C-alpha atoms as a PDB file:
ATOM      1  CA  MET A   1     -22.323  30.579  45.639  1.00  0.00           C
ATOM      2  CA  ASP A   2     -25.155  33.102  45.248  1.00  0.00           C
ATOM      3  CA  LEU A   3     -26.689  34.169  41.946  1.00  0.00           C
ATOM      4  CA  ASP A   4     -24.679  37.389  41.615  1.00  0.00           C
ATOM      5  CA  GLU A   5     -21.400  35.542  42.134  1.00  0.00           C
ATOM      6  CA  LEU A   6     -22.472  32.879  39.666  1.00  0.00           C
ATOM      7  CA  ARG A   7     -23.196  35.578  37.065  1.00  0.00           C
ATOM      8  CA  ALA A   8     -19.794  37.181  37.651  1.00  0.00           C
ATOM      9  CA  ARG A   9     -17.893  33.933  37.217  1.00  0.00           C
ATOM     10  CA  LEU A  10     -19.779  33.006  34.061  1.00  0.00           C
ATOM     11  CA  ALA A  11     -19.437  36.399  32.371  1.00  0.00           C
ATOM     12  CA  GLN A  12     -17.879  36.588  28.914  1.00  0.00           C
ATOM     13  CA  ARG A  13     -14.084  36.444  29.001  1.00  0.00           C
ATOM     14  CA  ASP A  14     -11.334  36.607  26.418  1.00  0.00           C
ATOM     15  CA  GLY A  15     -11.675  32.984  25.347  1.00  0.00           C
ATOM     16  CA  THR A  16      -8.309  31.827  26.684  1.00  0.00           C
ATOM     17  CA  VAL A  17      -8.103  28.178  27.645  1.00  0.00           C
ATOM     18  CA  PRO A  18      -6.725  27.207  31.068  1.00  0.00           C
ATOM     19  CA  ALA A  19      -3.813  24.782  31.213  1.00  0.00           C
ATOM     20  CA  LEU A  20      -5.816  21.643  31.951  1.00  0.00           C
ATOM     21  CA  LEU A  21      -5.253  18.057  30.903  1.00  0.00           C
ATOM     22  CA  GLY A  22      -6.734  17.624  27.461  1.00  0.00           C
ATOM     23  CA  ASP A  23      -9.247  15.175  26.098  1.00  0.00           C
ATOM     24  CA  ALA A  24      -8.282  12.980  23.152  1.00  0.00           C
ATOM     25  CA  LEU A  25     -11.864  12.877  21.848  1.00  0.00           C
ATOM     26  CA  ALA A  26     -12.500  16.637  21.873  1.00  0.00           C
ATOM     27  CA  ALA A  27     -10.186  19.640  22.171  1.00  0.00           C
ATOM     28  CA  PRO A  28     -10.404  23.445  22.337  1.00  0.00           C
ATOM     29  CA  ALA A  29     -10.360  24.851  18.810  1.00  0.00           C
ATOM     30  CA  ASN A  30      -7.380  27.116  19.562  1.00  0.00           C
ATOM     31  CA  SER A  31      -5.199  24.364  21.071  1.00  0.00           C
ATOM     32  CA  ASP A  32      -2.495  22.221  19.472  1.00  0.00           C
ATOM     33  CA  ASP A  33      -4.489  19.090  20.310  1.00  0.00           C
ATOM     34  CA  ILE A  34      -6.872  19.421  17.355  1.00  0.00           C
ATOM     35  CA  ALA A  35      -4.290  18.310  14.773  1.00  0.00           C
ATOM     36  CA  ASP A  36      -5.257  14.689  15.363  1.00  0.00           C
ATOM     37  CA  LEU A  37      -8.979  15.485  15.329  1.00  0.00           C
ATOM     38  CA  ALA A  38      -9.559  18.094  12.610  1.00  0.00           C
ATOM     39  CA  GLN A  39      -8.740  16.046   9.530  1.00  0.00           C
ATOM     40  CA  ARG A  40     -11.814  17.061   7.582  1.00  0.00           C
ATOM     41  CA  ILE A  41     -14.004  20.094   6.956  1.00  0.00           C
ATOM     42  CA  LEU A  42     -15.618  20.859  10.301  1.00  0.00           C
ATOM     43  CA  VAL A  43     -19.369  21.298  10.725  1.00  0.00           C
ATOM     44  CA  PRO A  44     -20.208  24.399  12.815  1.00  0.00           C
ATOM     45  CA  ALA A  45     -22.478  23.640  15.761  1.00  0.00           C
ATOM     46  CA  ALA A  46     -23.525  25.208  19.045  1.00  0.00           C
ATOM     47  CA  VAL A  47     -24.772  23.948  22.391  1.00  0.00           C
ATOM     48  CA  LEU A  48     -26.525  25.626  25.275  1.00  0.00           C
ATOM     49  CA  VAL A  49     -24.957  24.949  28.672  1.00  0.00           C
ATOM     50  CA  PRO A  50     -27.963  25.598  30.963  1.00  0.00           C
ATOM     51  CA  ILE A  51     -27.158  26.140  34.634  1.00  0.00           C
ATOM     52  CA  ILE A  52     -30.252  25.902  36.822  1.00  0.00           C
ATOM     53  CA  HIS A  53     -29.756  28.149  39.845  1.00  0.00           C
ATOM     54  CA  GLY A  54     -31.661  28.119  43.122  1.00  0.00           C
ATOM     55  CA  PRO A  55     -31.502  26.001  46.298  1.00  0.00           C
ATOM     56  CA  ASN A  56     -30.236  22.896  44.428  1.00  0.00           C
ATOM     57  CA  PRO A  57     -28.321  24.187  41.400  1.00  0.00           C
ATOM     58  CA  GLY A  58     -27.347  21.869  38.576  1.00  0.00           C
ATOM     59  CA  ILE A  59     -26.390  21.565  34.912  1.00  0.00           C
ATOM     60  CA  LEU A  60     -29.199  20.497  32.582  1.00  0.00           C
ATOM     61  CA  LEU A  61     -28.150  17.637  30.302  1.00  0.00           C
ATOM     62  CA  THR A  62     -29.860  15.318  27.853  1.00  0.00           C
ATOM     63  CA  LYS A  63     -29.437  11.708  26.852  1.00  0.00           C
ATOM     64  CA  ARG A  64     -29.769  11.425  23.080  1.00  0.00           C
ATOM     65  CA  THR A  65     -31.940   8.701  21.565  1.00  0.00           C
ATOM     66  CA  SER A  66     -30.261   5.579  20.194  1.00  0.00           C
ATOM     67  CA  THR A  67     -31.672   6.175  16.705  1.00  0.00           C
ATOM     68  CA  LEU A  68     -29.791   9.385  15.878  1.00  0.00           C
ATOM     69  CA  SER A  69     -27.166   9.391  13.129  1.00  0.00           C
ATOM     70  CA  SER A  70     -24.445  10.957  15.311  1.00  0.00           C
ATOM     71  CA  HIS A  71     -23.623  10.643  19.025  1.00  0.00           C
ATOM     72  CA  ALA A  72     -26.558   8.255  19.485  1.00  0.00           C
ATOM     73  CA  GLY A  73     -27.326   7.385  23.100  1.00  0.00           C
ATOM     74  CA  GLN A  74     -24.723   9.801  24.465  1.00  0.00           C
ATOM     75  CA  VAL A  75     -25.108  12.461  27.124  1.00  0.00           C
ATOM     76  CA  ALA A  76     -25.090  15.929  25.571  1.00  0.00           C
ATOM     77  CA  PHE A  77     -26.052  19.541  26.046  1.00  0.00           C
ATOM     78  CA  PRO A  78     -29.050  20.744  24.016  1.00  0.00           C
ATOM     79  CA  GLY A  79     -27.625  21.798  20.666  1.00  0.00           C
ATOM     80  CA  GLY A  80     -26.866  20.993  17.060  1.00  0.00           C
ATOM     81  CA  ARG A  81     -25.674  22.284  13.701  1.00  0.00           C
ATOM     82  CA  LEU A  82     -25.957  25.933  12.747  1.00  0.00           C
ATOM     83  CA  ASP A  83     -28.553  26.695  10.090  1.00  0.00           C
ATOM     84  CA  PRO A  84     -27.412  28.959   7.228  1.00  0.00           C
ATOM     85  CA  GLY A  85     -27.037  32.548   8.475  1.00  0.00           C
ATOM     86  CA  GLU A  86     -27.364  31.608  12.156  1.00  0.00           C
ATOM     87  CA  THR A  87     -25.030  32.733  14.915  1.00  0.00           C
ATOM     88  CA  PRO A  88     -23.933  30.203  17.567  1.00  0.00           C
ATOM     89  CA  LEU A  89     -26.164  31.968  20.110  1.00  0.00           C
ATOM     90  CA  GLU A  90     -29.205  31.753  17.839  1.00  0.00           C
ATOM     91  CA  ALA A  91     -28.543  28.093  17.091  1.00  0.00           C
ATOM     92  CA  ALA A  92     -28.027  27.138  20.745  1.00  0.00           C
ATOM     93  CA  LEU A  93     -31.273  28.795  21.820  1.00  0.00           C
ATOM     94  CA  ARG A  94     -33.227  27.360  18.880  1.00  0.00           C
ATOM     95  CA  GLU A  95     -31.964  23.834  19.500  1.00  0.00           C
ATOM     96  CA  ALA A  96     -32.733  24.065  23.231  1.00  0.00           C
ATOM     97  CA  GLU A  97     -36.330  24.973  22.445  1.00  0.00           C
ATOM     98  CA  GLU A  98     -36.633  22.231  19.834  1.00  0.00           C
ATOM     99  CA  GLU A  99     -35.024  19.496  21.942  1.00  0.00           C
ATOM    100  CA  VAL A 100     -36.277  20.169  25.481  1.00  0.00           C
ATOM    101  CA  GLY A 101     -38.989  22.819  25.051  1.00  0.00           C
ATOM    102  CA  LEU A 102     -36.916  25.595  26.652  1.00  0.00           C
ATOM    103  CA  PRO A 103     -38.141  29.039  25.482  1.00  0.00           C
ATOM    104  CA  ALA A 104     -35.347  31.505  24.760  1.00  0.00           C
ATOM    105  CA  ASN A 105     -36.928  34.124  27.033  1.00  0.00           C
ATOM    106  CA  LEU A 106     -36.303  31.889  30.062  1.00  0.00           C
ATOM    107  CA  VAL A 107     -32.546  31.792  29.421  1.00  0.00           C
ATOM    108  CA  GLU A 108     -30.242  34.471  30.831  1.00  0.00           C
ATOM    109  CA  VAL A 109     -27.212  34.253  28.549  1.00  0.00           C
ATOM    110  CA  THR A 110     -24.098  35.000  30.606  1.00  0.00           C
ATOM    111  CA  GLY A 111     -21.165  34.160  28.327  1.00  0.00           C
ATOM    112  CA  ARG A 112     -19.515  31.348  26.425  1.00  0.00           C
ATOM    113  CA  LEU A 113     -16.666  28.876  26.612  1.00  0.00           C
ATOM    114  CA  PRO A 114     -13.933  28.248  24.020  1.00  0.00           C
ATOM    115  CA  ASP A 115     -15.043  26.454  20.865  1.00  0.00           C
ATOM    116  CA  TYR A 116     -14.390  22.708  20.820  1.00  0.00           C
ATOM    117  CA  VAL A 117     -13.425  20.419  17.954  1.00  0.00           C
ATOM    118  CA  THR A 118     -14.621  16.811  18.138  1.00  0.00           C
ATOM    119  CA  GLY A 119     -13.279  13.669  16.555  1.00  0.00           C
ATOM    120  CA  THR A 120     -16.605  13.296  14.768  1.00  0.00           C
ATOM    121  CA  GLY A 121     -16.007  16.458  12.738  1.00  0.00           C
ATOM    122  CA  PHE A 122     -17.870  19.212  14.586  1.00  0.00           C
ATOM    123  CA  SER A 123     -16.696  22.622  15.797  1.00  0.00           C
ATOM    124  CA  ILE A 124     -18.894  23.341  18.825  1.00  0.00           C
ATOM    125  CA  SER A 125     -19.545  26.771  20.349  1.00  0.00           C
ATOM    126  CA  PRO A 126     -20.770  26.390  23.973  1.00  0.00           C
ATOM    127  CA  ILE A 127     -23.138  29.169  25.078  1.00  0.00           C
ATOM    128  CA  ILE A 128     -23.673  29.487  28.845  1.00  0.00           C
ATOM    129  CA  GLY A 129     -27.104  30.392  30.166  1.00  0.00           C
ATOM    130  CA  LEU A 130     -28.738  30.674  33.588  1.00  0.00           C
ATOM    131  CA  LEU A 131     -32.158  29.162  34.115  1.00  0.00           C
ATOM    132  CA  ALA A 132     -34.460  29.692  37.086  1.00  0.00           C
ATOM    133  CA  PRO A 133     -35.674  26.567  38.930  1.00  0.00           C
ATOM    134  CA  GLY A 134     -39.085  25.224  38.047  1.00  0.00           C
ATOM    135  CA  PHE A 135     -38.637  24.709  34.312  1.00  0.00           C
ATOM    136  CA  VAL A 136     -40.348  21.496  33.179  1.00  0.00           C
ATOM    137  CA  PRO A 137     -38.612  20.067  30.099  1.00  0.00           C
ATOM    138  CA  ILE A 138     -40.576  18.612  27.194  1.00  0.00           C
ATOM    139  CA  PRO A 139     -38.143  16.245  25.432  1.00  0.00           C
ATOM    140  CA  ALA A 140     -38.460  15.875  21.667  1.00  0.00           C
ATOM    141  CA  ALA A 141     -39.056  12.133  21.388  1.00  0.00           C
ATOM    142  CA  ALA A 142     -37.146  11.789  18.110  1.00  0.00           C
ATOM    143  CA  GLU A 143     -33.970  13.280  19.594  1.00  0.00           C
ATOM    144  CA  VAL A 144     -33.991  13.164  23.399  1.00  0.00           C
ATOM    145  CA  GLU A 145     -34.524  10.066  25.492  1.00  0.00           C
ATOM    146  CA  GLU A 146     -34.178  11.797  28.866  1.00  0.00           C
ATOM    147  CA  VAL A 147     -33.447  15.174  30.472  1.00  0.00           C
ATOM    148  CA  PHE A 148     -31.587  15.201  33.785  1.00  0.00           C
ATOM    149  CA  GLU A 149     -29.246  17.323  35.927  1.00  0.00           C
ATOM    150  CA  LEU A 150     -25.660  17.066  37.086  1.00  0.00           C
ATOM    151  CA  PRO A 151     -25.530  18.743  40.522  1.00  0.00           C
ATOM    152  CA  LEU A 152     -23.388  21.864  40.657  1.00  0.00           C
ATOM    153  CA  SER A 153     -21.744  20.452  43.780  1.00  0.00           C
ATOM    154  CA  VAL A 154     -20.273  17.662  41.635  1.00  0.00           C
ATOM    155  CA  LEU A 155     -18.966  20.188  39.115  1.00  0.00           C
ATOM    156  CA  LEU A 156     -17.270  22.178  41.886  1.00  0.00           C
ATOM    157  CA  ASP A 157     -15.527  19.112  43.315  1.00  0.00           C
ATOM    158  CA  PRO A 158     -11.955  19.055  41.882  1.00  0.00           C
ATOM    159  CA  SER A 159     -11.728  15.297  42.470  1.00  0.00           C
ATOM    160  CA  ALA A 160     -14.959  14.471  40.611  1.00  0.00           C
ATOM    161  CA  PRO A 161     -13.880  14.145  36.955  1.00  0.00           C
ATOM    162  CA  GLU A 162     -11.901  10.994  36.186  1.00  0.00           C
ATOM    163  CA  ARG A 163      -9.355  10.220  33.468  1.00  0.00           C
ATOM    164  CA  ARG A 164     -10.150   7.070  31.479  1.00  0.00           C
ATOM    165  CA  ARG A 165      -8.294   5.271  28.697  1.00  0.00           C
ATOM    166  CA  ALA A 166      -9.806   3.445  25.743  1.00  0.00           C
ATOM    167  CA  GLU A 167      -8.943   2.515  22.176  1.00  0.00           C
ATOM    168  CA  TRP A 168     -10.458   4.828  19.563  1.00  0.00           C
ATOM    169  CA  LYS A 169      -9.523   4.903  15.861  1.00  0.00           C
ATOM    170  CA  GLY A 170      -6.739   2.437  16.492  1.00  0.00           C
ATOM    171  CA  ARG A 171      -5.043   4.326  19.320  1.00  0.00           C
ATOM    172  CA  LYS A 172      -5.171   4.330  23.104  1.00  0.00           C
ATOM    173  CA  ARG A 173      -6.582   7.687  24.143  1.00  0.00           C
ATOM    174  CA  GLU A 174      -7.307   9.475  27.406  1.00  0.00           C
ATOM    175  CA  PHE A 175     -10.522  11.352  28.078  1.00  0.00           C
ATOM    176  CA  TRP A 176     -12.609  12.837  30.888  1.00  0.00           C
ATOM    177  CA  VAL A 177     -15.593  11.146  32.557  1.00  0.00           C
ATOM    178  CA  TRP A 178     -17.880  12.812  35.094  1.00  0.00           C
ATOM    179  CA  PRO A 179     -19.586  10.689  37.778  1.00  0.00           C
ATOM    180  CA  HIS A 180     -23.327  10.192  37.684  1.00  0.00           C
ATOM    181  CA  GLU A 181     -25.424   7.441  39.261  1.00  0.00           C
ATOM    182  CA  ARG A 182     -27.200   6.559  35.996  1.00  0.00           C
ATOM    183  CA  HIS A 183     -25.353   8.108  33.052  1.00  0.00           C
ATOM    184  CA  TYR A 184     -21.906   7.953  31.447  1.00  0.00           C
ATOM    185  CA  ILE A 185     -20.804  11.550  30.819  1.00  0.00           C
ATOM    186  CA  TRP A 186     -17.798  11.635  28.484  1.00  0.00           C
ATOM    187  CA  GLY A 187     -16.564  13.013  25.154  1.00  0.00           C
ATOM    188  CA  ALA A 188     -17.057  16.654  24.214  1.00  0.00           C
ATOM    189  CA  THR A 189     -19.706  17.115  26.920  1.00  0.00           C
ATOM    190  CA  ALA A 190     -17.300  16.027  29.659  1.00  0.00           C
ATOM    191  CA  ALA A 191     -14.470  18.164  28.256  1.00  0.00           C
ATOM    192  CA  ILE A 192     -16.687  21.257  28.145  1.00  0.00           C
ATOM    193  CA  LEU A 193     -17.791  20.571  31.730  1.00  0.00           C
ATOM    194  CA  VAL A 194     -14.123  20.476  32.826  1.00  0.00           C
ATOM    195  CA  HIS A 195     -13.609  24.006  31.509  1.00  0.00           C
ATOM    196  CA  LEU A 196     -16.908  25.211  32.961  1.00  0.00           C
ATOM    197  CA  ALA A 197     -15.844  23.807  36.346  1.00  0.00           C
ATOM    198  CA  HIS A 198     -12.542  25.656  36.096  1.00  0.00           C
ATOM    199  CA  ARG A 199     -14.302  28.947  35.397  1.00  0.00           C
ATOM    200  CA  LEU A 200     -16.659  28.482  38.342  1.00  0.00           C
ATOM    201  CA  ARG A 201     -13.815  27.675  40.721  1.00  0.00           C
ATOM    202  CA  VAL A 202     -11.541  30.613  39.945  1.00  0.00           C
ATOM    203  CA  ALA A 203     -12.019  33.993  41.619  1.00  0.00           C
ATOM    204  CA  ALA A 204     -14.634  36.150  39.928  1.00  0.00           C
ATOM    205  CA  THR A 205     -12.128  38.958  39.515  1.00  0.00           C
ATOM    206  CA  VAL A 206      -9.614  36.873  37.520  1.00  0.00           C
END
């Protein structure tokens, strides 16, 4: 997949959600699955979904430090809560610079994915951006333990994401997990990656 085709497939669409198996820990904000999740006032947040293009394309991800108050130690996209008056795009770019040292002028914003509601009370707006190879991340020690990549080849493999079951809040729930040799990619991050993978696999003209 060359850069032009990647841009075409990532371009802004109408926000409709494909008919994919859901995730009991995070769900698209416009789906019926949020009834069991959105039982409180939701906190607006945004994440940047950085796709590094080039000879060995991949998705840039972070592992959060174990000392954070929410989602400690989990794999996540750079992102966080919206500041007062911020748009999701502004918040995603600001958080990416704060967390991994990624300047906004290096990000080619190409679109977004449907908002996601999490069981921890956030409404997340995923912003998709292309990033040229060669960027050297500078993790913010207080928030990010590690920065790594999930190869795009894994994302494009329909058999890669797995369905797992676990007890959460007193119920057995199913959720997505993406394979990685060192990290456990699950929760909202995994669910967002499932929809990103779907967009990249469909024809650019759809």
